[in-house]
């Protein structure tokens, strides 16, 4: 890789130290941006990187921009070219995470609806947690944002203030992460990830209307569970106390991938270890993202070396 990381900023590659935006822009002042984070995995034969569900991430970026009424001047094809060019220019041949952010770089106010700029930044990234051991969680005192205030359907920087408050509370109280309740008092999601529980071999997850992000990894898990493992998957409300009596719990997301939750509010889940269903889904997920499963290669964008 290059000695200094290169970022794609406003249509061109620049050294990281030169990647700057206007400090009084609405993006800097109010957190007005939308973004996607895309994982790229080193393939099974280690000769190329594979971007996981790139098109789905870009489609969600466009949806987020539409809801926030931000004008995106780049096409999906242009974004894909910038994405690949940036990775190749940096010479990465390891697991990475690539951040794509749509931002405002104008001295204007929060009602700005004109053209926005874009940043693409590749970041070497290992596992967020030790997903074999699992993590601990607490139910947060902070309520999840709802579609009646700031929609969690939008992947926007400002939304993550809500996640920050819950995550800090969890860490300060000795937990690894938090679980949100929504306005109706039902389980929503974790900061930056969706939740699944297992009861009597049935996989259960909150519906898309439970104040959650329309998660691409969540959709991946549902596909794996139904098509590959033959599991019954139910999308329904989950009560807080259901967590305590679940057979298994895991989180899923681009950053956390598939990570088991081994206790909630200090109540052990599956005797404090990863369950069999979680383990099967996790293994299948990693096989898919590294290109081992032919049927899922449609989800992989090869980033070829020049």
Protein backbone atom coordinates (compact mmCIF):
# COMPACT_ATOMS: atom_id res chain seq x y z
CA UNK A 1 0.00 0.00 0.00
CA UNK A 2 1.01 3.67 -0.32
CA UNK A 3 2.88 5.34 2.55
CA UNK A 4 0.19 8.03 2.83
CA UNK A 5 -3.44 7.13 2.46
CA UNK A 6 -5.27 8.60 -0.51
CA UNK A 7 -8.91 9.65 -0.29
CA UNK A 8 -11.35 10.35 -3.08
CA UNK A 9 -12.67 13.85 -2.43
CA UNK A 10 -14.98 15.76 -4.76
CA UNK A 11 -14.08 13.63 -7.74
CA UNK A 12 -10.30 13.33 -7.36
CA UNK A 13 -7.73 11.45 -5.32
CA UNK A 14 -5.96 13.53 -2.68
CA UNK A 15 -3.55 12.76 0.18
CA UNK A 16 -5.37 12.34 3.48
CA UNK A 17 -3.76 15.50 4.91
CA UNK A 18 -5.26 17.53 2.05
CA UNK A 19 -8.79 16.14 2.42
CA UNK A 20 -10.55 19.18 3.86
CA UNK A 21 -14.03 20.66 3.86
CA UNK A 22 -15.36 24.08 4.85
CA UNK A 23 -15.57 24.29 8.65
CA UNK A 24 -18.75 26.41 8.64
CA UNK A 25 -20.62 24.10 6.29
CA UNK A 26 -23.89 22.50 7.48
CA UNK A 27 -22.05 19.18 7.54
CA UNK A 28 -19.54 20.48 10.10
CA UNK A 29 -22.01 22.57 12.09
CA UNK A 30 -25.07 20.31 12.15
CA UNK A 31 -23.94 16.84 11.11
CA UNK A 32 -25.89 16.99 7.85
CA UNK A 33 -24.50 14.13 5.80
CA UNK A 34 -25.47 10.67 4.65
CA UNK A 35 -23.04 7.81 4.38
CA UNK A 36 -22.41 4.15 3.79
CA UNK A 37 -19.68 1.88 5.09
CA UNK A 38 -18.84 -1.03 2.83
CA UNK A 39 -16.69 -3.99 3.84
CA UNK A 40 -14.16 -5.41 1.40
CA UNK A 41 -12.84 -8.87 2.20
CA UNK A 42 -9.74 -10.61 0.93
CA UNK A 43 -10.97 -13.46 -1.25
CA UNK A 44 -10.59 -17.11 -0.35
CA UNK A 45 -7.62 -17.47 -2.73
CA UNK A 46 -6.15 -14.15 -1.49
CA UNK A 47 -5.70 -12.58 -4.92
CA UNK A 48 -8.34 -9.86 -4.83
CA UNK A 49 -10.65 -7.84 -2.61
CA UNK A 50 -14.38 -8.43 -2.74
CA UNK A 51 -16.75 -5.58 -1.86
CA UNK A 52 -19.84 -7.01 -0.17
CA UNK A 53 -23.23 -5.92 -1.54
CA UNK A 54 -21.85 -2.72 -3.04
CA UNK A 55 -24.93 -1.98 -5.17
CA UNK A 56 -27.27 -2.41 -2.22
CA UNK A 57 -25.21 0.03 -0.16
CA UNK A 58 -25.25 2.61 -2.96
CA UNK A 59 -29.00 2.21 -3.42
CA UNK A 60 -29.45 2.88 0.30
CA UNK A 61 -27.19 5.93 0.03
CA UNK A 62 -29.48 7.32 -2.68
CA UNK A 63 -32.55 6.61 -0.53
CA UNK A 64 -31.02 8.39 2.47
CA UNK A 65 -30.15 11.40 0.30
CA UNK A 66 -33.69 11.48 -1.09
CA UNK A 67 -35.28 11.55 2.36
CA UNK A 68 -32.93 14.33 3.54
CA UNK A 69 -33.47 16.17 0.23
CA UNK A 70 -29.78 16.23 -0.58
CA UNK A 71 -28.83 16.40 -4.25
CA UNK A 72 -26.34 13.74 -5.35
CA UNK A 73 -24.51 14.77 -8.51
CA UNK A 74 -22.65 11.49 -9.02
CA UNK A 75 -24.17 8.45 -10.71
CA UNK A 76 -23.91 4.95 -9.28
CA UNK A 77 -21.38 4.08 -12.01
CA UNK A 78 -19.22 7.10 -11.14
CA UNK A 79 -19.30 6.18 -7.47
CA UNK A 80 -18.29 2.60 -8.28
CA UNK A 81 -15.36 3.83 -10.38
CA UNK A 82 -14.22 6.20 -7.61
CA UNK A 83 -14.59 3.39 -5.07
CA UNK A 84 -12.43 0.96 -7.04
CA UNK A 85 -9.88 3.60 -8.08
CA UNK A 86 -9.38 4.66 -4.47
CA UNK A 87 -8.79 1.13 -3.20
CA UNK A 88 -6.37 0.31 -6.02
CA UNK A 89 -4.48 3.60 -5.62
CA UNK A 90 -3.82 2.74 -1.97
CA UNK A 91 -2.64 -0.78 -2.80
CA UNK A 92 -4.75 -2.49 -0.14
CA UNK A 93 -4.73 -6.29 -0.13
CA UNK A 94 -6.30 -6.93 3.27
CA UNK A 95 -9.74 -6.67 4.83
CA UNK A 96 -10.81 -3.04 4.71
CA UNK A 97 -13.81 -0.86 5.39
CA UNK A 98 -14.65 1.89 2.91
CA UNK A 99 -16.57 4.96 4.04
CA UNK A 100 -18.59 6.84 1.42
CA UNK A 101 -19.98 10.14 2.68
CA UNK A 102 -22.20 12.66 0.94
CA UNK A 103 -21.55 16.09 2.46
CA UNK A 104 -22.21 19.81 2.00
CA UNK A 105 -19.14 21.94 1.34
CA UNK A 106 -20.79 25.35 1.12
CA UNK A 107 -21.07 28.33 3.52
CA UNK A 108 -24.82 27.88 3.80
CA UNK A 109 -27.50 26.88 6.30
CA UNK A 110 -29.23 23.65 7.30
CA UNK A 111 -31.97 24.11 4.68
CA UNK A 112 -29.51 23.83 1.77
CA UNK A 113 -30.84 21.56 -0.99
CA UNK A 114 -28.25 22.05 -3.75
CA UNK A 115 -25.56 19.72 -5.05
CA UNK A 116 -23.48 17.91 -2.46
CA UNK A 117 -19.97 16.53 -2.65
CA UNK A 118 -18.70 13.06 -1.87
CA UNK A 119 -15.80 11.50 0.00
CA UNK A 120 -14.53 7.92 -0.29
CA UNK A 121 -12.09 6.75 2.39
CA UNK A 122 -10.67 3.21 2.70
CA UNK A 123 -9.71 2.10 6.21
CA UNK A 124 -7.91 -1.14 7.20
CA UNK A 125 -10.33 -2.84 9.56
CA UNK A 126 -10.30 -6.10 11.48
CA UNK A 127 -13.07 -7.40 13.67
CA UNK A 128 -15.03 -4.90 15.77
CA UNK A 129 -15.36 -7.48 18.56
CA UNK A 130 -14.04 -10.95 19.29
CA UNK A 131 -17.08 -12.56 17.72
CA UNK A 132 -16.12 -16.04 18.91
CA UNK A 133 -16.24 -15.06 22.58
CA UNK A 134 -19.23 -12.72 22.29
CA UNK A 135 -20.18 -9.47 23.97
CA UNK A 136 -22.26 -8.19 26.87
CA UNK A 137 -25.17 -5.78 26.47
CA UNK A 138 -27.57 -3.73 28.54
CA UNK A 139 -30.97 -2.28 27.71
CA UNK A 140 -30.35 1.44 27.39
CA UNK A 141 -32.22 4.16 29.24
CA UNK A 142 -32.02 6.15 26.01
CA UNK A 143 -34.96 5.69 23.63
CA UNK A 144 -34.28 4.96 19.97
CA UNK A 145 -35.08 7.78 17.56
CA UNK A 146 -38.28 7.23 15.60
CA UNK A 147 -39.71 8.07 12.19
CA UNK A 148 -41.71 10.80 13.95
CA UNK A 149 -38.53 12.69 14.82
CA UNK A 150 -35.30 11.77 13.01
CA UNK A 151 -35.87 8.63 10.97
CA UNK A 152 -33.53 5.72 11.73
CA UNK A 153 -34.19 4.67 8.12
CA UNK A 154 -31.73 7.40 7.09
CA UNK A 155 -28.05 6.56 7.48
CA UNK A 156 -27.03 10.06 8.51
CA UNK A 157 -24.21 11.25 10.72
CA UNK A 158 -26.54 13.25 12.97
CA UNK A 159 -28.53 10.11 13.84
CA UNK A 160 -25.50 8.63 15.55
CA UNK A 161 -25.71 11.09 18.44
CA UNK A 162 -28.49 8.81 19.69
CA UNK A 163 -26.18 5.81 19.30
CA UNK A 164 -23.33 7.67 21.00
CA UNK A 165 -25.38 8.37 24.12
CA UNK A 166 -26.46 4.75 24.48
CA UNK A 167 -23.00 3.36 23.77
CA UNK A 168 -21.30 5.67 26.27
CA UNK A 169 -23.85 4.74 28.93
CA UNK A 170 -23.19 1.05 28.29
CA UNK A 171 -19.40 1.39 28.41
CA UNK A 172 -19.51 3.51 31.56
CA UNK A 173 -21.53 0.76 33.26
CA UNK A 174 -19.23 -2.07 32.25
CA UNK A 175 -21.03 -3.43 29.18
CA UNK A 176 -19.76 -3.80 25.63
CA UNK A 177 -22.81 -2.28 23.98
CA UNK A 178 -26.43 -1.23 24.43
CA UNK A 179 -29.84 -2.29 23.16
CA UNK A 180 -32.47 0.34 22.43
CA UNK A 181 -36.16 0.30 23.20
CA UNK A 182 -38.33 2.21 20.73
CA UNK A 183 -41.18 4.60 21.52
CA UNK A 184 -43.55 1.66 22.00
CA UNK A 185 -41.23 0.05 24.55
CA UNK A 186 -40.19 -2.79 22.24
CA UNK A 187 -36.65 -3.84 21.35
CA UNK A 188 -35.34 -1.83 18.41
CA UNK A 189 -31.63 -2.32 17.66
CA UNK A 190 -28.16 -1.70 19.02
CA UNK A 191 -25.98 1.33 18.27
CA UNK A 192 -24.81 0.52 14.75
CA UNK A 193 -26.28 -2.98 14.44
CA UNK A 194 -29.50 -4.99 14.27
CA UNK A 195 -30.55 -7.73 16.67
CA UNK A 196 -31.76 -11.31 16.27
CA UNK A 197 -32.92 -13.67 18.98
CA UNK A 198 -33.49 -17.42 18.84
CA UNK A 199 -36.37 -19.11 20.65
CA UNK A 200 -37.15 -22.79 20.13
CA UNK A 201 -35.04 -22.82 16.94
CA UNK A 202 -37.03 -19.91 15.44
CA UNK A 203 -35.06 -16.81 14.41
CA UNK A 204 -36.81 -13.60 15.48
CA UNK A 205 -35.94 -9.99 14.63
CA UNK A 206 -37.78 -6.66 15.03
CA UNK A 207 -39.64 -5.47 11.90
CA UNK A 208 -38.38 -2.62 9.72
CA UNK A 209 -41.05 -0.42 11.33
CA UNK A 210 -39.56 -0.86 14.83
CA UNK A 211 -37.29 2.20 14.52
CA UNK A 212 -34.39 0.38 12.89
CA UNK A 213 -32.10 0.94 9.94
CA UNK A 214 -33.02 -1.00 6.81
CA UNK A 215 -29.93 -3.09 7.37
CA UNK A 216 -28.20 -4.88 4.50
CA UNK A 217 -26.55 -7.33 6.88
CA UNK A 218 -29.94 -8.06 8.47
CA UNK A 219 -31.28 -8.90 5.02
CA UNK A 220 -28.24 -11.12 4.45
CA UNK A 221 -28.88 -13.02 7.69
CA UNK A 222 -32.54 -13.58 6.78
CA UNK A 223 -31.49 -14.97 3.39
CA UNK A 224 -28.91 -17.29 4.96
CA UNK A 225 -31.31 -18.51 7.64
CA UNK A 226 -34.18 -19.25 5.25
CA UNK A 227 -32.41 -20.43 2.10
CA UNK A 228 -29.30 -22.14 3.46
CA UNK A 229 -30.20 -23.31 6.96
CA UNK A 230 -33.92 -23.96 6.51
CA UNK A 231 -34.83 -21.90 9.57
CA UNK A 232 -38.12 -20.20 10.26
CA UNK A 233 -37.61 -16.43 10.45
CA UNK A 234 -40.20 -14.20 12.09
CA UNK A 235 -40.16 -10.40 11.96
CA UNK A 236 -42.14 -9.15 14.97
CA UNK A 237 -41.96 -7.01 18.08
CA UNK A 238 -39.68 -8.27 20.85
CA UNK A 239 -40.28 -7.50 24.53
CA UNK A 240 -37.41 -6.59 26.82
CA UNK A 241 -37.92 -9.64 29.02
CA UNK A 242 -37.89 -11.91 25.98
CA UNK A 243 -34.20 -11.17 25.72
CA UNK A 244 -33.62 -12.71 29.14
CA UNK A 245 -35.21 -16.03 28.15
CA UNK A 246 -33.84 -16.26 24.63
CA UNK A 247 -31.86 -19.34 23.65
CA UNK A 248 -29.44 -17.23 21.61
CA UNK A 249 -28.93 -13.56 20.73
CA UNK A 250 -26.66 -11.99 18.15
CA UNK A 251 -26.06 -8.62 16.54
CA UNK A 252 -25.39 -8.06 12.86
CA UNK A 253 -24.07 -5.14 10.84
CA UNK A 254 -21.29 -4.08 8.51
CA UNK A 255 -18.99 -3.26 11.44
CA UNK A 256 -19.94 -6.01 13.92
CA UNK A 257 -20.58 -8.63 11.19
CA UNK A 258 -22.18 -11.50 13.17
CA UNK A 259 -21.46 -11.11 16.89
CA UNK A 260 -23.10 -13.18 19.65
CA UNK A 261 -24.48 -11.48 22.75
CA UNK A 262 -23.69 -13.68 25.74
CA UNK A 263 -25.49 -11.67 28.42
CA UNK A 264 -28.12 -8.93 28.69
CA UNK A 265 -28.38 -6.83 31.85
CA UNK A 266 -25.93 -9.36 33.35
CA UNK A 267 -28.33 -12.25 32.69
CA UNK A 268 -26.43 -15.02 30.83
CA UNK A 269 -27.67 -16.13 27.42
CA UNK A 270 -26.93 -19.76 26.43
CA UNK A 271 -24.71 -20.14 29.50
CA UNK A 272 -22.60 -17.21 28.32
CA UNK A 273 -21.42 -18.66 25.02
CA UNK A 274 -22.24 -18.55 21.32
CA UNK A 275 -25.17 -20.74 20.27
CA UNK A 276 -25.27 -23.28 17.46
CA UNK A 277 -27.57 -21.29 15.18
CA UNK A 278 -25.51 -18.13 15.63
CA UNK A 279 -22.35 -20.10 14.88
CA UNK A 280 -23.85 -21.59 11.70
CA UNK A 281 -25.02 -18.21 10.42
CA UNK A 282 -21.69 -16.61 11.29
CA UNK A 283 -19.68 -19.29 9.44
CA UNK A 284 -21.92 -19.09 6.38
CA UNK A 285 -21.63 -15.30 6.37
CA UNK A 286 -17.82 -15.39 6.32
CA UNK A 287 -17.83 -18.06 3.62
CA UNK A 288 -20.08 -15.85 1.48
CA UNK A 289 -18.11 -12.61 1.87
CA UNK A 290 -14.83 -14.34 0.99
CA UNK A 291 -16.28 -15.78 -2.21
CA UNK A 292 -16.46 -19.43 -1.16
CA UNK A 293 -20.15 -19.86 -2.02
CA UNK A 294 -20.86 -19.74 -5.75
CA UNK A 295 -24.57 -18.95 -5.34
CA UNK A 296 -23.77 -15.67 -3.59
CA UNK A 297 -21.11 -14.27 -5.91
CA UNK A 298 -23.78 -11.90 -7.27
CA UNK A 299 -23.37 -10.01 -3.98
CA UNK A 300 -19.62 -9.50 -4.49
CA UNK A 301 -17.91 -6.74 -6.46
CA UNK A 302 -14.32 -7.75 -7.34
CA UNK A 303 -11.77 -4.99 -6.85
CA UNK A 304 -9.10 -6.10 -9.30
CA UNK A 305 -5.43 -5.22 -9.13
CA UNK A 306 -3.98 -3.39 -12.12
